[in-house]
Amino acid sequence: MWWLRLILDEVEKRRQISMAVIYPFMQGLRESPFPAPGKTVTIKSFIPESGTELIELTRPVDAHLEHVEFQALLQRLSPHLILHIFASAVLERRLIFLAEELSVLSQCIHAVAALLYPFTWAHTYIPVVPECLLDTVCCPTPFMVGIQMRHLERVLDQPMEEVLHGPFALQVGDEEEILPIKLQNEMLTSLNRHNNNNNIHSKDVSLYMVKHTQVNTLVSEAFVQFFVRMVGHYASHIKWSKNGSGIFQERAFCKAITSKTNRKFVKKFVKTNMFSLFIEEAEKSRIPQEGKQPCVSFPLWSREDS
C-alpha cells in the first residue's frame, strides 16, 4: 500500500514535467526484481534538469507490516482511543470504523488488525462494507468493519449491542478496564511518543520509506511486547506426547501468572478464537526429533515479568 503511494508520488512529479518522462520510470520499475523481505531494490530514473536519480525501495522484514500504515491511526485517532479499540479487538468484540474516504477506512482497519500480531482476527472482516451489506452490523458474532459516514444514520437505526464505533464513541463502557493498567500506561506512553512525531511529509522517497518503516516497527513492537508479557510463557505449558502431539495446559498456564490484574485479563483472552487458533497451531507445530525434547517457536522474542 505504501509502495503504491511512493510510486504514485514519483509518477505525479514526472507528470508535472512531461508525460514523456513517466514511461522510462515505469519501465525501470517493471524491470526491477521484486525484493525479498528486508532487501532493497534500486531504480534509476532520469529527470530533465535534475539528471539521473536513484530511488531505493526497501521491503519490510516482517510480512505482517508490509501493507500496514500505523500512521493512519496515529493521525486520525487519539492514543487513548487506539487502546480502547485494541482492547475491544483483543476480546473479539464488534467494531465499526467510520470515515468517508475509502482509503482511510482500509488503512485504519488493516492497522488495527496488525496490532493483534502474532494473533490473527478470526471473524468477519470487511474494510469497506458495501451498501447492500450494511445489515452486517446486526450480526451477533464479532466483526471488524468499515462503513462510510454517509451511511451512518442507517447504521444507527440497526439493532446493535456491544459495539465500539470510531471515531465517535458508542461503547460498552469498560474499555478503560480491559487491559492491565500498568501495561496500558506503557503502551499509551509509547503511542504518545510516536504520535508527536508522526507528521511525515517528505519529498525524498528514501527518507519517507525509512521513517515509515521506523514508525511501523516501533508501534508494532509496543503491542507485541504486551502479548509477550501476558502470554509469552505459553510454550512452557504445552505437554508433549511421544508421538509429537501437544496438549495445552490452560489452567497451569493461567496460574503461572503472578499478577492478579494480568491473570484476570489472560483468563478472558484464552477464551477467544484468536488465542485458541494460535494454540492449536502451536500444539502441532513441532515433531520431536530423536533424542530431543520438542520445542515450539514463538514469534515474540522475550518475556518480561510484570
C-alpha atoms as a PDB file:
ATOM      1  CA  MET A   1       0.000   0.000   0.000  1.00  0.00           C
ATOM      2  CA  TRP A   2       2.703   2.478   0.968  1.00  0.00           C
ATOM      3  CA  TRP A   3       4.814   1.338  -2.032  1.00  0.00           C
ATOM      4  CA  LEU A   4       1.953   2.381  -4.263  1.00  0.00           C
ATOM      5  CA  ARG A   5       1.838   5.804  -2.606  1.00  0.00           C
ATOM      6  CA  LEU A   6       5.567   6.339  -3.213  1.00  0.00           C
ATOM      7  CA  ILE A   7       5.299   5.220  -6.816  1.00  0.00           C
ATOM      8  CA  LEU A   8       2.318   7.481  -7.456  1.00  0.00           C
ATOM      9  CA  ASP A   9       4.218  10.406  -5.937  1.00  0.00           C
ATOM     10  CA  GLU A  10       7.081   9.768  -8.353  1.00  0.00           C
ATOM     11  CA  VAL A  11       4.688   9.482 -11.282  1.00  0.00           C
ATOM     12  CA  GLU A  12       2.989  12.756 -10.340  1.00  0.00           C
ATOM     13  CA  LYS A  13       6.351  14.526 -10.052  1.00  0.00           C
ATOM     14  CA  ARG A  14       7.167  13.454 -13.593  1.00  0.00           C
ATOM     15  CA  ARG A  15       3.711  14.233 -14.949  1.00  0.00           C
ATOM     16  CA  GLN A  16       4.166  17.860 -13.950  1.00  0.00           C
ATOM     17  CA  ILE A  17       7.269  17.964 -16.140  1.00  0.00           C
ATOM     18  CA  SER A  18       6.102  15.906 -19.091  1.00  0.00           C
ATOM     19  CA  MET A  19       4.098  12.751 -19.741  1.00  0.00           C
ATOM     20  CA  ALA A  20       7.089  11.527 -21.728  1.00  0.00           C
ATOM     21  CA  VAL A  21       9.290  11.068 -18.633  1.00  0.00           C
ATOM     22  CA  ILE A  22       6.776   8.807 -16.894  1.00  0.00           C
ATOM     23  CA  TYR A  23       7.336   5.855 -19.211  1.00  0.00           C
ATOM     24  CA  PRO A  24      11.096   5.405 -18.502  1.00  0.00           C
ATOM     25  CA  PHE A  25      10.383   5.388 -14.774  1.00  0.00           C
ATOM     26  CA  MET A  26       7.605   2.790 -15.094  1.00  0.00           C
ATOM     27  CA  GLN A  27       9.761   0.728 -17.431  1.00  0.00           C
ATOM     28  CA  GLY A  28      12.565   0.691 -14.863  1.00  0.00           C
ATOM     29  CA  LEU A  29      10.095  -0.299 -12.181  1.00  0.00           C
ATOM     30  CA  ARG A  30       8.798  -3.223 -14.253  1.00  0.00           C
ATOM     31  CA  GLU A  31      12.309  -4.449 -14.986  1.00  0.00           C
ATOM     32  CA  SER A  32      13.401  -4.347 -11.338  1.00  0.00           C
ATOM     33  CA  PRO A  33      13.144  -7.613  -9.379  1.00  0.00           C
ATOM     34  CA  PHE A  34      10.679  -7.716  -6.503  1.00  0.00           C
ATOM     35  CA  PRO A  35      12.898  -7.607  -3.383  1.00  0.00           C
ATOM     36  CA  ALA A  36      12.935 -10.279  -0.722  1.00  0.00           C
ATOM     37  CA  PRO A  37      11.876  -9.243   2.800  1.00  0.00           C
ATOM     38  CA  GLY A  38      14.406  -6.793   4.212  1.00  0.00           C
ATOM     39  CA  LYS A  39      16.081  -6.280   0.835  1.00  0.00           C
ATOM     40  CA  THR A  40      16.248  -3.107  -1.229  1.00  0.00           C
ATOM     41  CA  VAL A  41      15.721  -2.534  -4.944  1.00  0.00           C
ATOM     42  CA  THR A  42      17.299   0.492  -6.633  1.00  0.00           C
ATOM     43  CA  ILE A  43      15.616   2.110  -9.624  1.00  0.00           C
ATOM     44  CA  LYS A  44      17.474   4.520 -11.903  1.00  0.00           C
ATOM     45  CA  SER A  45      15.365   7.297 -13.347  1.00  0.00           C
ATOM     46  CA  PHE A  46      16.272  10.337 -15.425  1.00  0.00           C
ATOM     47  CA  ILE A  47      14.507  13.664 -14.922  1.00  0.00           C
ATOM     48  CA  PRO A  48      15.247  16.629 -17.194  1.00  0.00           C
ATOM     49  CA  GLU A  49      17.250  19.379 -15.433  1.00  0.00           C
ATOM     50  CA  SER A  50      17.718  17.096 -12.406  1.00  0.00           C
ATOM     51  CA  GLY A  51      19.731  14.330 -14.025  1.00  0.00           C
ATOM     52  CA  THR A  52      19.687  10.674 -13.019  1.00  0.00           C
ATOM     53  CA  GLU A  53      18.021   9.826  -9.728  1.00  0.00           C
ATOM     54  CA  LEU A  54      18.461   6.649  -7.699  1.00  0.00           C
ATOM     55  CA  ILE A  55      15.247   5.607  -5.971  1.00  0.00           C
ATOM     56  CA  GLU A  56      15.567   2.920  -3.295  1.00  0.00           C
ATOM     57  CA  LEU A  57      12.590   0.868  -2.123  1.00  0.00           C
ATOM     58  CA  THR A  58      13.066  -1.497   0.813  1.00  0.00           C
ATOM     59  CA  ARG A  59      10.637  -4.309   1.527  1.00  0.00           C
ATOM     60  CA  PRO A  60       9.854  -4.709   5.269  1.00  0.00           C
ATOM     61  CA  VAL A  61      11.402  -7.691   7.030  1.00  0.00           C
ATOM     62  CA  ASP A  62       8.113  -8.594   8.724  1.00  0.00           C
ATOM     63  CA  ALA A  63       5.426  -9.578   6.239  1.00  0.00           C
ATOM     64  CA  HIS A  64       2.693  -8.594   8.701  1.00  0.00           C
ATOM     65  CA  LEU A  65       3.813  -4.957   8.362  1.00  0.00           C
ATOM     66  CA  GLU A  66       4.146  -4.975   4.591  1.00  0.00           C
ATOM     67  CA  HIS A  67       0.788  -3.358   3.823  1.00  0.00           C
ATOM     68  CA  VAL A  68       0.250  -1.557   7.119  1.00  0.00           C
ATOM     69  CA  GLU A  69       0.009   2.190   7.757  1.00  0.00           C
ATOM     70  CA  PHE A  70       0.091   2.799  11.508  1.00  0.00           C
ATOM     71  CA  GLN A  71       0.356   6.494  10.693  1.00  0.00           C
ATOM     72  CA  ALA A  72      -3.241   6.309   9.502  1.00  0.00           C
ATOM     73  CA  LEU A  73      -4.271   5.522  13.079  1.00  0.00           C
ATOM     74  CA  LEU A  74      -1.901   7.955  14.753  1.00  0.00           C
ATOM     75  CA  GLN A  75      -3.025  10.818  12.529  1.00  0.00           C
ATOM     76  CA  ARG A  76      -6.756  10.235  12.955  1.00  0.00           C
ATOM     77  CA  LEU A  77      -7.324   8.674  16.369  1.00  0.00           C
ATOM     78  CA  SER A  78      -6.074   9.619  19.819  1.00  0.00           C
ATOM     79  CA  PRO A  79      -3.744   7.171  21.615  1.00  0.00           C
ATOM     80  CA  HIS A  80      -6.471   6.538  24.219  1.00  0.00           C
ATOM     81  CA  LEU A  81      -8.997   5.596  21.554  1.00  0.00           C
ATOM     82  CA  ILE A  82      -6.468   3.367  19.789  1.00  0.00           C
ATOM     83  CA  LEU A  83      -6.002   1.458  23.039  1.00  0.00           C
ATOM     84  CA  HIS A  84      -9.772   1.186  23.525  1.00  0.00           C
ATOM     85  CA  ILE A  85     -10.088  -0.240  20.021  1.00  0.00           C
ATOM     86  CA  PHE A  86      -7.191  -2.638  20.627  1.00  0.00           C
ATOM     87  CA  ALA A  87      -8.720  -3.816  23.908  1.00  0.00           C
ATOM     88  CA  SER A  88     -12.075  -4.445  22.237  1.00  0.00           C
ATOM     89  CA  ALA A  89     -10.413  -6.279  19.342  1.00  0.00           C
ATOM     90  CA  VAL A  90      -8.398  -8.480  21.711  1.00  0.00           C
ATOM     91  CA  LEU A  91     -11.629  -9.624  23.371  1.00  0.00           C
ATOM     92  CA  GLU A  92     -13.189 -10.106  19.912  1.00  0.00           C
ATOM     93  CA  ARG A  93     -15.999  -7.624  20.235  1.00  0.00           C
ATOM     94  CA  ARG A  94     -17.830  -5.922  17.378  1.00  0.00           C
ATOM     95  CA  LEU A  95     -16.048  -2.925  15.913  1.00  0.00           C
ATOM     96  CA  ILE A  96     -17.245  -0.375  13.377  1.00  0.00           C
ATOM     97  CA  PHE A  97     -14.925   2.174  11.781  1.00  0.00           C
ATOM     98  CA  LEU A  98     -16.465   5.291  10.256  1.00  0.00           C
ATOM     99  CA  ALA A  99     -14.921   7.559   7.614  1.00  0.00           C
ATOM    100  CA  GLU A 100     -15.971   8.941   4.267  1.00  0.00           C
ATOM    101  CA  GLU A 101     -12.772   8.136   2.379  1.00  0.00           C
ATOM    102  CA  LEU A 102     -12.384   4.517   1.340  1.00  0.00           C
ATOM    103  CA  SER A 103      -8.611   4.674   1.740  1.00  0.00           C
ATOM    104  CA  VAL A 104      -8.910   5.864   5.349  1.00  0.00           C
ATOM    105  CA  LEU A 105     -11.249   3.017   6.247  1.00  0.00           C
ATOM    106  CA  SER A 106      -8.993   0.437   4.632  1.00  0.00           C
ATOM    107  CA  GLN A 107      -5.775   1.789   6.157  1.00  0.00           C
ATOM    108  CA  CYS A 108      -7.178   2.074   9.682  1.00  0.00           C
ATOM    109  CA  ILE A 109      -8.760  -1.365   9.760  1.00  0.00           C
ATOM    110  CA  HIS A 110      -5.640  -3.031   8.352  1.00  0.00           C
ATOM    111  CA  ALA A 111      -3.598  -1.231  11.011  1.00  0.00           C
ATOM    112  CA  VAL A 112      -5.845  -2.347  13.880  1.00  0.00           C
ATOM    113  CA  ALA A 113      -5.744  -5.949  12.664  1.00  0.00           C
ATOM    114  CA  ALA A 114      -1.942  -5.721  12.528  1.00  0.00           C
ATOM    115  CA  LEU A 115      -1.823  -4.604  16.183  1.00  0.00           C
ATOM    116  CA  LEU A 116      -3.036  -8.101  17.111  1.00  0.00           C
ATOM    117  CA  TYR A 117       0.139  -9.771  15.787  1.00  0.00           C
ATOM    118  CA  PRO A 118       1.162 -12.574  16.346  1.00  0.00           C
ATOM    119  CA  PHE A 119      -2.530 -13.388  16.697  1.00  0.00           C
ATOM    120  CA  THR A 120      -4.997 -13.078  13.843  1.00  0.00           C
ATOM    121  CA  TRP A 121      -8.525 -11.679  13.717  1.00  0.00           C
ATOM    122  CA  ALA A 122     -10.647 -14.768  13.046  1.00  0.00           C
ATOM    123  CA  HIS A 123     -14.095 -13.294  12.457  1.00  0.00           C
ATOM    124  CA  THR A 124     -15.964 -11.163   9.907  1.00  0.00           C
ATOM    125  CA  TYR A 125     -13.528  -8.648   8.443  1.00  0.00           C
ATOM    126  CA  ILE A 126     -14.751  -6.149   5.833  1.00  0.00           C
ATOM    127  CA  PRO A 127     -12.581  -3.000   5.465  1.00  0.00           C
ATOM    128  CA  VAL A 128     -15.280  -1.269   3.396  1.00  0.00           C
ATOM    129  CA  VAL A 129     -18.850  -2.559   3.703  1.00  0.00           C
ATOM    130  CA  PRO A 130     -20.935  -2.066   0.540  1.00  0.00           C
ATOM    131  CA  GLU A 131     -24.370  -0.536   1.000  1.00  0.00           C
ATOM    132  CA  CYS A 132     -26.105  -3.833   0.284  1.00  0.00           C
ATOM    133  CA  LEU A 133     -24.347  -5.443   3.289  1.00  0.00           C
ATOM    134  CA  LEU A 134     -24.944  -2.767   5.917  1.00  0.00           C
ATOM    135  CA  ASP A 135     -27.062  -5.162   7.959  1.00  0.00           C
ATOM    136  CA  THR A 136     -23.770  -6.894   8.817  1.00  0.00           C
ATOM    137  CA  VAL A 137     -23.747  -4.655  11.914  1.00  0.00           C
ATOM    138  CA  CYS A 138     -26.683  -6.682  13.260  1.00  0.00           C
ATOM    139  CA  CYS A 139     -24.624  -9.877  13.411  1.00  0.00           C
ATOM    140  CA  PRO A 140     -24.404 -11.383  16.904  1.00  0.00           C
ATOM    141  CA  THR A 141     -20.864 -12.615  16.210  1.00  0.00           C
ATOM    142  CA  PRO A 142     -17.684 -10.495  16.344  1.00  0.00           C
ATOM    143  CA  PHE A 143     -16.864  -8.325  13.350  1.00  0.00           C
ATOM    144  CA  MET A 144     -14.449  -5.611  12.281  1.00  0.00           C
ATOM    145  CA  VAL A 145     -15.943  -3.496   9.516  1.00  0.00           C
ATOM    146  CA  GLY A 146     -15.567  -0.100   7.869  1.00  0.00           C
ATOM    147  CA  ILE A 147     -18.571   1.999   6.891  1.00  0.00           C
ATOM    148  CA  GLN A 148     -18.694   5.289   5.035  1.00  0.00           C
ATOM    149  CA  MET A 149     -20.058   8.223   7.024  1.00  0.00           C
ATOM    150  CA  ARG A 150     -22.903   8.791   4.559  1.00  0.00           C
ATOM    151  CA  HIS A 151     -24.410   5.510   5.802  1.00  0.00           C
ATOM    152  CA  LEU A 152     -24.161   6.476   9.478  1.00  0.00           C
ATOM    153  CA  GLU A 153     -27.837   7.272  10.028  1.00  0.00           C
ATOM    154  CA  ARG A 154     -28.926   3.980   8.537  1.00  0.00           C
ATOM    155  CA  VAL A 155     -26.363   2.083  10.619  1.00  0.00           C
ATOM    156  CA  LEU A 156     -27.516   3.716  13.861  1.00  0.00           C
ATOM    157  CA  ASP A 157     -31.061   2.591  13.105  1.00  0.00           C
ATOM    158  CA  GLN A 158     -29.891  -1.035  13.202  1.00  0.00           C
ATOM    159  CA  PRO A 159     -30.247  -3.071  16.421  1.00  0.00           C
ATOM    160  CA  MET A 160     -26.712  -3.325  17.802  1.00  0.00           C
ATOM    161  CA  GLU A 161     -25.213  -4.409  21.081  1.00  0.00           C
ATOM    162  CA  GLU A 162     -21.658  -4.183  22.448  1.00  0.00           C
ATOM    163  CA  VAL A 163     -20.271  -2.245  19.517  1.00  0.00           C
ATOM    164  CA  LEU A 164     -17.287   0.105  19.510  1.00  0.00           C
ATOM    165  CA  HIS A 165     -17.585   2.913  16.991  1.00  0.00           C
ATOM    166  CA  GLY A 166     -14.742   5.109  15.849  1.00  0.00           C
ATOM    167  CA  PRO A 167     -14.128   7.964  15.598  1.00  0.00           C
ATOM    168  CA  PHE A 168     -17.174   8.825  17.737  1.00  0.00           C
ATOM    169  CA  ALA A 169     -17.929   6.866  20.863  1.00  0.00           C
ATOM    170  CA  LEU A 170     -20.690   4.319  21.234  1.00  0.00           C
ATOM    171  CA  GLN A 171     -19.009   1.972  23.648  1.00  0.00           C
ATOM    172  CA  VAL A 172     -19.688  -0.793  26.113  1.00  0.00           C
ATOM    173  CA  GLY A 173     -18.178   1.349  28.863  1.00  0.00           C
ATOM    174  CA  ASP A 174     -15.452  -0.920  30.233  1.00  0.00           C
ATOM    175  CA  GLU A 175     -12.805  -0.304  27.557  1.00  0.00           C
ATOM    176  CA  GLU A 176     -10.572   1.517  30.052  1.00  0.00           C
ATOM    177  CA  GLU A 177     -10.584  -1.523  32.353  1.00  0.00           C
ATOM    178  CA  ILE A 178      -9.904  -4.356  29.896  1.00  0.00           C
ATOM    179  CA  LEU A 179      -6.107  -4.084  29.721  1.00  0.00           C
ATOM    180  CA  PRO A 180      -3.909  -4.244  32.856  1.00  0.00           C
ATOM    181  CA  ILE A 181      -3.329  -0.635  33.878  1.00  0.00           C
ATOM    182  CA  LYS A 182       0.468  -0.856  34.114  1.00  0.00           C
ATOM    183  CA  LEU A 183       0.906  -2.222  30.610  1.00  0.00           C
ATOM    184  CA  GLN A 184      -1.821   0.043  29.311  1.00  0.00           C
ATOM    185  CA  ASN A 185       0.099   3.075  30.563  1.00  0.00           C
ATOM    186  CA  GLU A 186       3.308   1.813  28.976  1.00  0.00           C
ATOM    187  CA  MET A 187       1.624   1.404  25.588  1.00  0.00           C
ATOM    188  CA  LEU A 188      -0.021   4.805  25.975  1.00  0.00           C
ATOM    189  CA  THR A 189       3.373   6.400  26.602  1.00  0.00           C
ATOM    190  CA  SER A 190       4.756   4.697  23.512  1.00  0.00           C
ATOM    191  CA  LEU A 191       1.824   5.792  21.344  1.00  0.00           C
ATOM    192  CA  ASN A 192       2.052   9.375  22.599  1.00  0.00           C
ATOM    193  CA  ARG A 193       5.735   9.449  21.721  1.00  0.00           C
ATOM    194  CA  HIS A 194       5.113   8.248  18.184  1.00  0.00           C
ATOM    195  CA  ASN A 195       2.029  10.422  17.861  1.00  0.00           C
ATOM    196  CA  ASN A 196       4.161  13.509  18.454  1.00  0.00           C
ATOM    197  CA  ASN A 197       6.439  12.529  15.592  1.00  0.00           C
ATOM    198  CA  ASN A 198       4.012  11.100  13.070  1.00  0.00           C
ATOM    199  CA  ASN A 199       3.818  14.014  10.641  1.00  0.00           C
ATOM    200  CA  ILE A 200       5.951  12.585   7.896  1.00  0.00           C
ATOM    201  CA  HIS A 201       5.871  14.770   4.827  1.00  0.00           C
ATOM    202  CA  SER A 202       9.000  14.253   2.783  1.00  0.00           C
ATOM    203  CA  LYS A 203       9.554  14.592  -0.923  1.00  0.00           C
ATOM    204  CA  ASP A 204      12.585  12.319  -0.570  1.00  0.00           C
ATOM    205  CA  VAL A 205      11.291   8.803  -1.299  1.00  0.00           C
ATOM    206  CA  SER A 206      14.091   7.042   0.574  1.00  0.00           C
ATOM    207  CA  LEU A 207      13.658   9.263   3.652  1.00  0.00           C
ATOM    208  CA  TYR A 208       9.899   8.710   3.644  1.00  0.00           C
ATOM    209  CA  MET A 209      10.443   4.963   3.377  1.00  0.00           C
ATOM    210  CA  VAL A 210      12.863   4.887   6.312  1.00  0.00           C
ATOM    211  CA  LYS A 211      10.601   6.955   8.594  1.00  0.00           C
ATOM    212  CA  HIS A 212       7.536   4.925   7.578  1.00  0.00           C
ATOM    213  CA  THR A 213       9.308   1.665   8.392  1.00  0.00           C
ATOM    214  CA  GLN A 214      10.564   3.002  11.733  1.00  0.00           C
ATOM    215  CA  VAL A 215       7.095   4.095  12.846  1.00  0.00           C
ATOM    216  CA  ASN A 216       5.570   0.751  11.823  1.00  0.00           C
ATOM    217  CA  THR A 217       8.269  -1.239  13.602  1.00  0.00           C
ATOM    218  CA  LEU A 218       8.212   0.783  16.835  1.00  0.00           C
ATOM    219  CA  VAL A 219       4.419   0.840  17.141  1.00  0.00           C
ATOM    220  CA  SER A 220       4.154  -2.873  16.395  1.00  0.00           C
ATOM    221  CA  GLU A 221       6.893  -3.631  18.927  1.00  0.00           C
ATOM    222  CA  ALA A 222       4.961  -1.906  21.712  1.00  0.00           C
ATOM    223  CA  PHE A 223       1.916  -4.126  21.152  1.00  0.00           C
ATOM    224  CA  VAL A 224       3.963  -7.272  20.586  1.00  0.00           C
ATOM    225  CA  GLN A 225       5.635  -6.705  23.942  1.00  0.00           C
ATOM    226  CA  PHE A 226       2.193  -6.554  25.529  1.00  0.00           C
ATOM    227  CA  PHE A 227       1.477 -10.097  24.310  1.00  0.00           C
ATOM    228  CA  VAL A 228       4.971 -11.224  25.325  1.00  0.00           C
ATOM    229  CA  ARG A 229       4.363 -10.175  28.887  1.00  0.00           C
ATOM    230  CA  MET A 230       0.830 -11.557  29.005  1.00  0.00           C
ATOM    231  CA  VAL A 231       1.169 -14.941  27.278  1.00  0.00           C
ATOM    232  CA  GLY A 232       4.824 -15.340  26.303  1.00  0.00           C
ATOM    233  CA  HIS A 233       5.178 -18.305  28.673  1.00  0.00           C
ATOM    234  CA  TYR A 234       2.609 -20.428  26.832  1.00  0.00           C
ATOM    235  CA  ALA A 235       5.200 -22.838  25.368  1.00  0.00           C
ATOM    236  CA  SER A 236       6.172 -23.975  28.876  1.00  0.00           C
ATOM    237  CA  HIS A 237       2.611 -25.212  29.371  1.00  0.00           C
ATOM    238  CA  ILE A 238       2.274 -27.444  26.333  1.00  0.00           C
ATOM    239  CA  LYS A 239       2.566 -31.073  27.357  1.00  0.00           C
ATOM    240  CA  TRP A 240       4.116 -33.168  24.612  1.00  0.00           C
ATOM    241  CA  SER A 241       3.479 -36.840  23.926  1.00  0.00           C
ATOM    242  CA  LYS A 242       5.992 -39.236  22.386  1.00  0.00           C
ATOM    243  CA  ASN A 243       4.261 -39.058  19.018  1.00  0.00           C
ATOM    244  CA  GLY A 244       4.850 -35.313  18.826  1.00  0.00           C
ATOM    245  CA  SER A 245       1.358 -34.046  19.617  1.00  0.00           C
ATOM    246  CA  GLY A 246       0.945 -31.369  22.245  1.00  0.00           C
ATOM    247  CA  ILE A 247      -1.791 -30.503  24.721  1.00  0.00           C
ATOM    248  CA  PHE A 248      -2.019 -27.018  26.150  1.00  0.00           C
ATOM    249  CA  GLN A 249      -2.401 -26.894  29.944  1.00  0.00           C
ATOM    250  CA  GLU A 250      -4.655 -23.850  30.249  1.00  0.00           C
ATOM    251  CA  ARG A 251      -5.185 -23.966  33.995  1.00  0.00           C
ATOM    252  CA  ALA A 252      -1.478 -24.208  34.816  1.00  0.00           C
ATOM    253  CA  PHE A 253      -0.763 -21.521  32.237  1.00  0.00           C
ATOM    254  CA  CYS A 254      -3.089 -19.057  33.966  1.00  0.00           C
ATOM    255  CA  LYS A 255      -1.910 -19.981  37.456  1.00  0.00           C
ATOM    256  CA  ALA A 256       1.680 -19.231  36.459  1.00  0.00           C
ATOM    257  CA  ILE A 257       0.808 -15.530  36.147  1.00  0.00           C
ATOM    258  CA  THR A 258       1.589 -13.889  39.478  1.00  0.00           C
ATOM    259  CA  SER A 259      -0.084 -10.531  38.842  1.00  0.00           C
ATOM    260  CA  LYS A 260      -3.809 -10.644  39.639  1.00  0.00           C
ATOM    261  CA  THR A 261      -4.687  -7.952  37.099  1.00  0.00           C
ATOM    262  CA  ASN A 262      -2.690  -9.716  34.382  1.00  0.00           C
ATOM    263  CA  ARG A 263      -4.278 -13.071  35.250  1.00  0.00           C
ATOM    264  CA  LYS A 264      -7.760 -11.539  35.105  1.00  0.00           C
ATOM    265  CA  PHE A 265      -7.120 -10.341  31.560  1.00  0.00           C
ATOM    266  CA  VAL A 266      -5.487 -13.590  30.405  1.00  0.00           C
ATOM    267  CA  LYS A 267      -8.399 -15.698  31.669  1.00  0.00           C
ATOM    268  CA  LYS A 268     -10.618 -13.762  29.267  1.00  0.00           C
ATOM    269  CA  PHE A 269      -8.117 -13.770  26.424  1.00  0.00           C
ATOM    270  CA  VAL A 270      -7.615 -17.573  26.453  1.00  0.00           C
ATOM    271  CA  LYS A 271     -11.319 -17.962  25.634  1.00  0.00           C
ATOM    272  CA  THR A 272     -11.022 -16.054  22.342  1.00  0.00           C
ATOM    273  CA  ASN A 273     -10.869 -17.699  18.954  1.00  0.00           C
ATOM    274  CA  MET A 274      -7.612 -15.946  18.078  1.00  0.00           C
ATOM    275  CA  PHE A 275      -5.834 -17.460  21.082  1.00  0.00           C
ATOM    276  CA  SER A 276      -7.378 -20.896  20.509  1.00  0.00           C
ATOM    277  CA  LEU A 277      -6.266 -20.936  16.868  1.00  0.00           C
ATOM    278  CA  PHE A 278      -2.785 -19.824  17.854  1.00  0.00           C
ATOM    279  CA  ILE A 279      -2.504 -22.600  20.445  1.00  0.00           C
ATOM    280  CA  GLU A 280      -3.858 -25.196  18.009  1.00  0.00           C
ATOM    281  CA  GLU A 281      -1.021 -24.337  15.630  1.00  0.00           C
ATOM    282  CA  ALA A 282       1.491 -24.448  18.476  1.00  0.00           C
ATOM    283  CA  GLU A 283       0.287 -27.888  19.564  1.00  0.00           C
ATOM    284  CA  LYS A 284       1.050 -29.345  16.160  1.00  0.00           C
ATOM    285  CA  SER A 285       3.955 -27.166  15.089  1.00  0.00           C
ATOM    286  CA  ARG A 286       6.770 -29.459  16.212  1.00  0.00           C
ATOM    287  CA  ILE A 287       7.516 -33.125  15.646  1.00  0.00           C
ATOM    288  CA  PRO A 288      10.076 -34.339  18.206  1.00  0.00           C
ATOM    289  CA  GLN A 289      13.474 -35.257  16.806  1.00  0.00           C
ATOM    290  CA  GLU A 290      15.123 -38.441  18.026  1.00  0.00           C
ATOM    291  CA  GLY A 291      16.671 -37.937  21.431  1.00  0.00           C
ATOM    292  CA  LYS A 292      15.472 -34.317  21.686  1.00  0.00           C
ATOM    293  CA  GLN A 293      12.683 -32.623  23.588  1.00  0.00           C
ATOM    294  CA  PRO A 294      10.194 -30.993  21.194  1.00  0.00           C
ATOM    295  CA  CYS A 295      10.039 -27.222  21.244  1.00  0.00           C
ATOM    296  CA  VAL A 296       7.785 -24.558  19.877  1.00  0.00           C
ATOM    297  CA  SER A 297       8.977 -21.373  18.237  1.00  0.00           C
ATOM    298  CA  PHE A 298       7.149 -18.239  19.337  1.00  0.00           C
ATOM    299  CA  PRO A 299       7.340 -15.101  17.184  1.00  0.00           C
ATOM    300  CA  LEU A 300       7.788 -13.000  20.316  1.00  0.00           C
ATOM    301  CA  TRP A 301      11.373 -12.575  21.381  1.00  0.00           C
ATOM    302  CA  SER A 302      11.256 -12.428  25.175  1.00  0.00           C
ATOM    303  CA  ARG A 303       9.044 -12.236  28.222  1.00  0.00           C
ATOM    304  CA  GLU A 304       9.304  -9.695  30.997  1.00  0.00           C
ATOM    305  CA  ASP A 305       7.647 -10.324  34.316  1.00  0.00           C
ATOM    306  CA  SER A 306       5.189  -7.683  35.457  1.00  0.00           C
END
